[in-house]
Amino acid sequence: MKKTIRDITGASIEVTDLDKAIEQCELCKDSPYKMPSGQTVGENYRHMLSQLEKMKQIK
């Protein structure tokens, strides 16, 4: 299954393994480190996680 999501900056990310992508987002969702865009890494992963969870519900 190949799906595409967007990160918090709008960049496109191809997802080839939904469960692994969800696992990675869960691990990083509390990261306090700032990205160049000004958001934290955790905010970015939570943003992507919400998209991945919707995909999993549809699946």
C-alpha atoms as a PDB file:
ATOM      1  CA  MET A   1       0.000   0.000   0.000  1.00  0.00           C
ATOM      2  CA  LYS A   2       1.470   3.334  -1.053  1.00  0.00           C
ATOM      3  CA  LYS A   3      -0.209   6.436   0.292  1.00  0.00           C
ATOM      4  CA  THR A   4       0.891  10.033   0.587  1.00  0.00           C
ATOM      5  CA  ILE A   5       0.527  12.349   3.568  1.00  0.00           C
ATOM      6  CA  ARG A   6       1.784  15.877   4.212  1.00  0.00           C
ATOM      7  CA  ASP A   7       3.965  17.045   7.038  1.00  0.00           C
ATOM      8  CA  ILE A   8       3.182  20.235   8.959  1.00  0.00           C
ATOM      9  CA  THR A   9       5.093  22.332   6.410  1.00  0.00           C
ATOM     10  CA  GLY A  10       3.159  20.871   3.476  1.00  0.00           C
ATOM     11  CA  ALA A  11       5.910  18.587   2.210  1.00  0.00           C
ATOM     12  CA  SER A  12       4.673  15.344   0.676  1.00  0.00           C
ATOM     13  CA  ILE A  13       5.661  12.060   2.364  1.00  0.00           C
ATOM     14  CA  GLU A  14       5.121   8.641   0.796  1.00  0.00           C
ATOM     15  CA  VAL A  15       3.918   5.976   3.232  1.00  0.00           C
ATOM     16  CA  THR A  16       4.730   2.385   2.268  1.00  0.00           C
ATOM     17  CA  ASP A  17       4.149   0.714   5.665  1.00  0.00           C
ATOM     18  CA  LEU A  18       1.235   2.216   7.579  1.00  0.00           C
ATOM     19  CA  ASP A  19       1.862   0.389  10.857  1.00  0.00           C
ATOM     20  CA  LYS A  20       5.564   1.326  10.939  1.00  0.00           C
ATOM     21  CA  ALA A  21       4.743   4.953  10.116  1.00  0.00           C
ATOM     22  CA  ILE A  22       2.232   5.078  12.990  1.00  0.00           C
ATOM     23  CA  GLU A  23       4.797   3.502  15.325  1.00  0.00           C
ATOM     24  CA  GLN A  24       7.418   6.091  14.348  1.00  0.00           C
ATOM     25  CA  CYS A  25       4.996   8.975  14.883  1.00  0.00           C
ATOM     26  CA  GLU A  26       4.009   7.609  18.297  1.00  0.00           C
ATOM     27  CA  LEU A  27       7.676   7.477  19.322  1.00  0.00           C
ATOM     28  CA  CYS A  28       8.394  11.071  18.278  1.00  0.00           C
ATOM     29  CA  LYS A  29       5.119  12.889  19.013  1.00  0.00           C
ATOM     30  CA  ASP A  30       6.438  14.467  22.235  1.00  0.00           C
ATOM     31  CA  SER A  31       9.736  15.749  20.830  1.00  0.00           C
ATOM     32  CA  PRO A  32      10.353  19.354  21.961  1.00  0.00           C
ATOM     33  CA  TYR A  33      12.986  20.113  19.325  1.00  0.00           C
ATOM     34  CA  LYS A  34      12.257  23.030  17.001  1.00  0.00           C
ATOM     35  CA  MET A  35      12.209  22.650  13.242  1.00  0.00           C
ATOM     36  CA  PRO A  36      13.342  25.474  10.908  1.00  0.00           C
ATOM     37  CA  SER A  37       9.636  26.212  10.304  1.00  0.00           C
ATOM     38  CA  GLY A  38       9.202  27.147  13.982  1.00  0.00           C
ATOM     39  CA  GLN A  39       7.035  24.181  14.964  1.00  0.00           C
ATOM     40  CA  THR A  40       8.363  21.396  17.115  1.00  0.00           C
ATOM     41  CA  VAL A  41       9.203  17.961  15.774  1.00  0.00           C
ATOM     42  CA  GLY A  42       6.473  16.627  18.071  1.00  0.00           C
ATOM     43  CA  GLU A  43       3.854  18.908  16.537  1.00  0.00           C
ATOM     44  CA  ASN A  44       4.894  17.669  13.111  1.00  0.00           C
ATOM     45  CA  TYR A  45       4.624  14.004  14.110  1.00  0.00           C
ATOM     46  CA  ARG A  46       1.224  14.545  15.771  1.00  0.00           C
ATOM     47  CA  HIS A  47       0.035  16.247  12.574  1.00  0.00           C
ATOM     48  CA  MET A  48       1.164  13.282  10.480  1.00  0.00           C
ATOM     49  CA  LEU A  49      -0.167  10.773  13.017  1.00  0.00           C
ATOM     50  CA  SER A  50      -3.689  12.154  12.690  1.00  0.00           C
ATOM     51  CA  GLN A  51      -3.550  11.547   8.922  1.00  0.00           C
ATOM     52  CA  LEU A  52      -2.157   8.044   9.384  1.00  0.00           C
ATOM     53  CA  GLU A  53      -4.831   7.113  11.928  1.00  0.00           C
ATOM     54  CA  LYS A  54      -7.537   8.221   9.490  1.00  0.00           C
ATOM     55  CA  MET A  55      -5.960   6.018   6.826  1.00  0.00           C
ATOM     56  CA  LYS A  56      -5.951   3.067   9.191  1.00  0.00           C
ATOM     57  CA  GLN A  57      -9.665   3.555  10.001  1.00  0.00           C
ATOM     58  CA  ILE A  58     -10.511   3.535   6.295  1.00  0.00           C
ATOM     59  CA  LYS A  59      -8.376   0.430   5.707  1.00  0.00           C
END
